[in-house]
Amino acid sequence: MAMRKIYSEIKGMKLKEVPGYFKPMLSVGFVKKSTQRGLDNYHAKYIETDSIEPLYHICFGGMIFSYLVALPNERRHLEHKRHAEQHGHH
């Protein structure tokens, strides 16, 4: 939804105008305000309604995070195994 909104806003702009559109959005104050607004919306949608979804967010987010942390090590291991098989090592 947010990407669609941004696209519709910059669609009619000239290329020279686009940096001027994004520059205020990259300020510290704008990022803090947007983050606070997002947290307030999350709190209103999930926490105040006693939803179980935040638990799912933590569980699935934790699984994804642990997978991404372990991925480089696993890829190295598989590459080493493939290399050893190609060269006849056990």
N, C-alpha and C. Protein backbone atom coordinates (compact mmCIF):
# COMPACT_ATOMS: atom_id res chain seq x y z
N MET A 1 0.82 -1.19 0.00
CA MET A 1 0.00 0.00 0.00
C MET A 1 0.86 1.25 0.00
N ALA A 2 1.88 1.29 0.83
CA ALA A 2 2.73 2.47 0.92
C ALA A 2 3.48 2.68 -0.39
N MET A 3 3.95 1.61 -0.99
CA MET A 3 4.68 1.73 -2.25
C MET A 3 3.75 2.26 -3.35
N ARG A 4 2.52 1.82 -3.35
CA ARG A 4 1.56 2.28 -4.33
C ARG A 4 1.30 3.78 -4.16
N LYS A 5 1.21 4.23 -2.91
CA LYS A 5 0.98 5.64 -2.62
C LYS A 5 2.17 6.47 -3.10
N ILE A 6 3.38 6.02 -2.79
CA ILE A 6 4.58 6.74 -3.20
C ILE A 6 4.68 6.78 -4.73
N TYR A 7 4.39 5.65 -5.36
CA TYR A 7 4.45 5.61 -6.82
C TYR A 7 3.46 6.57 -7.45
N SER A 8 2.25 6.61 -6.91
CA SER A 8 1.25 7.51 -7.49
C SER A 8 1.63 8.98 -7.26
N GLU A 9 2.35 9.27 -6.18
CA GLU A 9 2.76 10.65 -5.92
C GLU A 9 3.93 11.08 -6.80
N ILE A 10 4.86 10.18 -7.10
CA ILE A 10 6.02 10.59 -7.89
C ILE A 10 5.82 10.32 -9.38
N LYS A 11 4.74 9.68 -9.74
CA LYS A 11 4.51 9.33 -11.14
C LYS A 11 4.50 10.56 -12.05
N GLY A 12 3.90 11.64 -11.61
CA GLY A 12 3.80 12.83 -12.44
C GLY A 12 4.97 13.79 -12.31
N MET A 13 5.93 13.51 -11.45
CA MET A 13 7.05 14.41 -11.23
C MET A 13 8.12 14.26 -12.30
N LYS A 14 8.89 15.33 -12.45
CA LYS A 14 10.07 15.25 -13.29
C LYS A 14 11.20 14.67 -12.45
N LEU A 15 12.20 14.13 -13.09
CA LEU A 15 13.29 13.46 -12.39
C LEU A 15 14.02 14.40 -11.43
N LYS A 16 14.12 15.66 -11.77
CA LYS A 16 14.80 16.63 -10.91
C LYS A 16 14.03 16.87 -9.61
N GLU A 17 12.72 16.63 -9.61
CA GLU A 17 11.88 16.89 -8.44
C GLU A 17 11.87 15.73 -7.45
N VAL A 18 12.24 14.54 -7.89
CA VAL A 18 12.15 13.34 -7.04
C VAL A 18 13.05 13.42 -5.80
N PRO A 19 14.33 13.83 -5.91
CA PRO A 19 15.14 13.93 -4.69
C PRO A 19 14.56 14.91 -3.67
N GLY A 20 13.97 16.00 -4.14
CA GLY A 20 13.34 16.95 -3.24
C GLY A 20 12.13 16.36 -2.53
N TYR A 21 11.48 15.39 -3.16
CA TYR A 21 10.35 14.71 -2.54
C TYR A 21 10.82 13.77 -1.44
N PHE A 22 11.92 13.05 -1.69
CA PHE A 22 12.38 12.05 -0.73
C PHE A 22 13.25 12.61 0.38
N LYS A 23 13.92 13.73 0.15
CA LYS A 23 14.85 14.27 1.14
C LYS A 23 14.21 14.53 2.51
N PRO A 24 13.03 15.15 2.59
CA PRO A 24 12.43 15.34 3.91
C PRO A 24 12.06 14.02 4.60
N MET A 25 11.81 12.99 3.82
CA MET A 25 11.44 11.69 4.40
C MET A 25 12.63 10.99 5.04
N LEU A 26 13.83 11.42 4.72
CA LEU A 26 15.02 10.78 5.26
C LEU A 26 15.58 11.50 6.48
N SER A 27 14.87 12.49 6.97
CA SER A 27 15.34 13.20 8.15
C SER A 27 15.07 12.36 9.40
N VAL A 28 15.83 12.61 10.46
CA VAL A 28 15.71 11.86 11.70
C VAL A 28 14.33 12.06 12.31
N GLY A 29 13.84 13.29 12.29
CA GLY A 29 12.54 13.58 12.87
C GLY A 29 11.41 12.85 12.16
N PHE A 30 11.47 12.80 10.82
CA PHE A 30 10.44 12.10 10.05
C PHE A 30 10.47 10.61 10.33
N VAL A 31 11.67 10.04 10.40
CA VAL A 31 11.80 8.60 10.67
C VAL A 31 11.27 8.28 12.07
N LYS A 32 11.60 9.12 13.06
CA LYS A 32 11.10 8.89 14.42
C LYS A 32 9.59 8.97 14.46
N LYS A 33 9.02 9.99 13.79
CA LYS A 33 7.58 10.17 13.78
C LYS A 33 6.89 9.00 13.08
N SER A 34 7.44 8.54 11.97
CA SER A 34 6.86 7.42 11.24
C SER A 34 6.95 6.13 12.05
N THR A 35 8.07 5.93 12.73
CA THR A 35 8.23 4.73 13.56
C THR A 35 7.23 4.75 14.71
N GLN A 36 7.08 5.90 15.35
CA GLN A 36 6.13 6.01 16.45
C GLN A 36 4.70 5.78 15.97
N ARG A 37 4.37 6.32 14.80
CA ARG A 37 3.03 6.12 14.25
C ARG A 37 2.80 4.65 13.94
N GLY A 38 3.82 3.96 13.40
CA GLY A 38 3.70 2.53 13.12
C GLY A 38 3.52 1.71 14.39
N LEU A 39 4.29 2.05 15.43
CA LEU A 39 4.15 1.34 16.70
C LEU A 39 2.78 1.59 17.34
N ASP A 40 2.29 2.82 17.22
CA ASP A 40 0.96 3.13 17.75
C ASP A 40 -0.12 2.34 17.01
N ASN A 41 0.01 2.26 15.69
CA ASN A 41 -0.95 1.48 14.90
C ASN A 41 -0.90 0.00 15.26
N TYR A 42 0.32 -0.53 15.43
CA TYR A 42 0.48 -1.94 15.82
C TYR A 42 -0.16 -2.18 17.18
N HIS A 43 0.09 -1.29 18.12
CA HIS A 43 -0.47 -1.43 19.46
C HIS A 43 -1.99 -1.41 19.42
N ALA A 44 -2.55 -0.50 18.65
CA ALA A 44 -4.00 -0.41 18.55
C ALA A 44 -4.60 -1.63 17.87
N LYS A 45 -3.91 -2.16 16.87
CA LYS A 45 -4.46 -3.28 16.09
C LYS A 45 -4.31 -4.62 16.81
N TYR A 46 -3.20 -4.84 17.50
CA TYR A 46 -2.94 -6.17 18.05
C TYR A 46 -2.94 -6.22 19.58
N ILE A 47 -2.34 -5.27 20.23
CA ILE A 47 -2.17 -5.34 21.68
C ILE A 47 -3.48 -5.02 22.39
N GLU A 48 -4.13 -3.94 22.00
CA GLU A 48 -5.35 -3.54 22.67
C GLU A 48 -6.52 -4.50 22.42
N THR A 49 -6.45 -5.26 21.35
CA THR A 49 -7.52 -6.21 21.03
C THR A 49 -7.27 -7.59 21.62
N ASP A 50 -6.20 -7.75 22.41
CA ASP A 50 -5.83 -9.04 23.01
C ASP A 50 -5.69 -10.14 21.96
N SER A 51 -5.10 -9.79 20.84
CA SER A 51 -4.88 -10.74 19.76
C SER A 51 -3.68 -11.63 20.09
N ILE A 52 -3.69 -12.84 19.53
CA ILE A 52 -2.56 -13.75 19.72
C ILE A 52 -1.51 -13.54 18.62
N GLU A 53 -1.81 -12.73 17.63
CA GLU A 53 -0.89 -12.53 16.51
C GLU A 53 0.48 -12.00 16.90
N PRO A 54 0.64 -11.12 17.91
CA PRO A 54 2.01 -10.73 18.27
C PRO A 54 2.89 -11.91 18.67
N LEU A 55 2.31 -12.93 19.28
CA LEU A 55 3.07 -14.13 19.61
C LEU A 55 3.54 -14.82 18.34
N TYR A 56 2.68 -14.90 17.34
CA TYR A 56 3.06 -15.47 16.05
C TYR A 56 4.16 -14.63 15.41
N HIS A 57 4.04 -13.31 15.50
CA HIS A 57 5.06 -12.44 14.91
C HIS A 57 6.42 -12.71 15.55
N ILE A 58 6.45 -12.88 16.86
CA ILE A 58 7.71 -13.15 17.55
C ILE A 58 8.26 -14.52 17.16
N CYS A 59 7.39 -15.53 17.15
CA CYS A 59 7.85 -16.89 16.81
C CYS A 59 8.38 -16.97 15.39
N PHE A 60 7.59 -16.51 14.43
CA PHE A 60 8.02 -16.60 13.04
C PHE A 60 9.18 -15.66 12.76
N GLY A 61 9.17 -14.48 13.36
CA GLY A 61 10.29 -13.56 13.20
C GLY A 61 11.58 -14.14 13.76
N GLY A 62 11.48 -14.81 14.90
CA GLY A 62 12.65 -15.46 15.49
C GLY A 62 13.18 -16.58 14.61
N MET A 63 12.26 -17.37 14.04
CA MET A 63 12.69 -18.45 13.15
C MET A 63 13.37 -17.89 11.91
N ILE A 64 12.80 -16.86 11.32
CA ILE A 64 13.39 -16.26 10.12
C ILE A 64 14.75 -15.65 10.45
N PHE A 65 14.84 -14.95 11.59
CA PHE A 65 16.11 -14.34 11.99
C PHE A 65 17.18 -15.40 12.21
N SER A 66 16.84 -16.49 12.91
CA SER A 66 17.84 -17.53 13.17
C SER A 66 18.26 -18.22 11.87
N TYR A 67 17.32 -18.38 10.94
CA TYR A 67 17.65 -18.96 9.65
C TYR A 67 18.64 -18.06 8.90
N LEU A 68 18.36 -16.76 8.89
CA LEU A 68 19.24 -15.83 8.17
C LEU A 68 20.61 -15.72 8.82
N VAL A 69 20.68 -15.85 10.14
CA VAL A 69 21.98 -15.81 10.82
C VAL A 69 22.79 -17.06 10.50
N ALA A 70 22.13 -18.20 10.43
CA ALA A 70 22.82 -19.46 10.18
C ALA A 70 23.09 -19.72 8.70
N LEU A 71 22.44 -18.99 7.83
CA LEU A 71 22.55 -19.26 6.39
C LEU A 71 23.97 -19.16 5.84
N PRO A 72 24.76 -18.14 6.15
CA PRO A 72 26.12 -18.10 5.60
C PRO A 72 26.97 -19.30 6.03
N ASN A 73 26.85 -19.72 7.27
CA ASN A 73 27.61 -20.87 7.74
C ASN A 73 27.16 -22.14 7.02
N GLU A 74 25.88 -22.30 6.83
CA GLU A 74 25.35 -23.48 6.15
C GLU A 74 25.79 -23.50 4.69
N ARG A 75 25.79 -22.36 4.04
CA ARG A 75 26.23 -22.29 2.65
C ARG A 75 27.72 -22.64 2.53
N ARG A 76 28.53 -22.15 3.48
CA ARG A 76 29.95 -22.51 3.47
C ARG A 76 30.12 -24.02 3.64
N HIS A 77 29.35 -24.60 4.55
CA HIS A 77 29.44 -26.04 4.80
C HIS A 77 29.06 -26.82 3.54
N LEU A 78 27.98 -26.44 2.89
CA LEU A 78 27.55 -27.16 1.68
C LEU A 78 28.54 -26.98 0.53
N GLU A 79 29.11 -25.79 0.41
CA GLU A 79 30.10 -25.56 -0.64
C GLU A 79 31.35 -26.39 -0.38
N HIS A 80 31.78 -26.50 0.88
CA HIS A 80 32.94 -27.32 1.22
C HIS A 80 32.64 -28.80 0.93
N LYS A 81 31.45 -29.24 1.26
CA LYS A 81 31.06 -30.63 1.01
C LYS A 81 31.05 -30.92 -0.49
N ARG A 82 30.50 -29.99 -1.29
CA ARG A 82 30.46 -30.18 -2.74
C ARG A 82 31.87 -30.20 -3.32
N HIS A 83 32.72 -29.33 -2.83
CA HIS A 83 34.09 -29.29 -3.31
C HIS A 83 34.83 -30.57 -2.97
N ALA A 84 34.62 -31.10 -1.78
CA ALA A 84 35.26 -32.35 -1.37
C ALA A 84 34.79 -33.53 -2.20
N GLU A 85 33.50 -33.54 -2.54
CA GLU A 85 32.97 -34.63 -3.37
C GLU A 85 33.53 -34.58 -4.79
N GLN A 86 33.74 -33.37 -5.31
CA GLN A 86 34.28 -33.22 -6.66
C GLN A 86 35.73 -33.68 -6.74
N HIS A 87 36.46 -33.52 -5.65
CA HIS A 87 37.88 -33.86 -5.64
C HIS A 87 38.16 -35.19 -4.98
N GLY A 88 37.15 -35.98 -4.69
CA GLY A 88 37.33 -37.33 -4.18
C GLY A 88 37.69 -37.46 -2.74
N HIS A 89 37.49 -36.41 -1.94
CA HIS A 89 37.75 -36.50 -0.51
C HIS A 89 36.50 -37.00 0.20
N HIS A 90 36.70 -37.52 1.39
CA HIS A 90 35.54 -38.04 2.13
C HIS A 90 34.97 -37.01 3.00
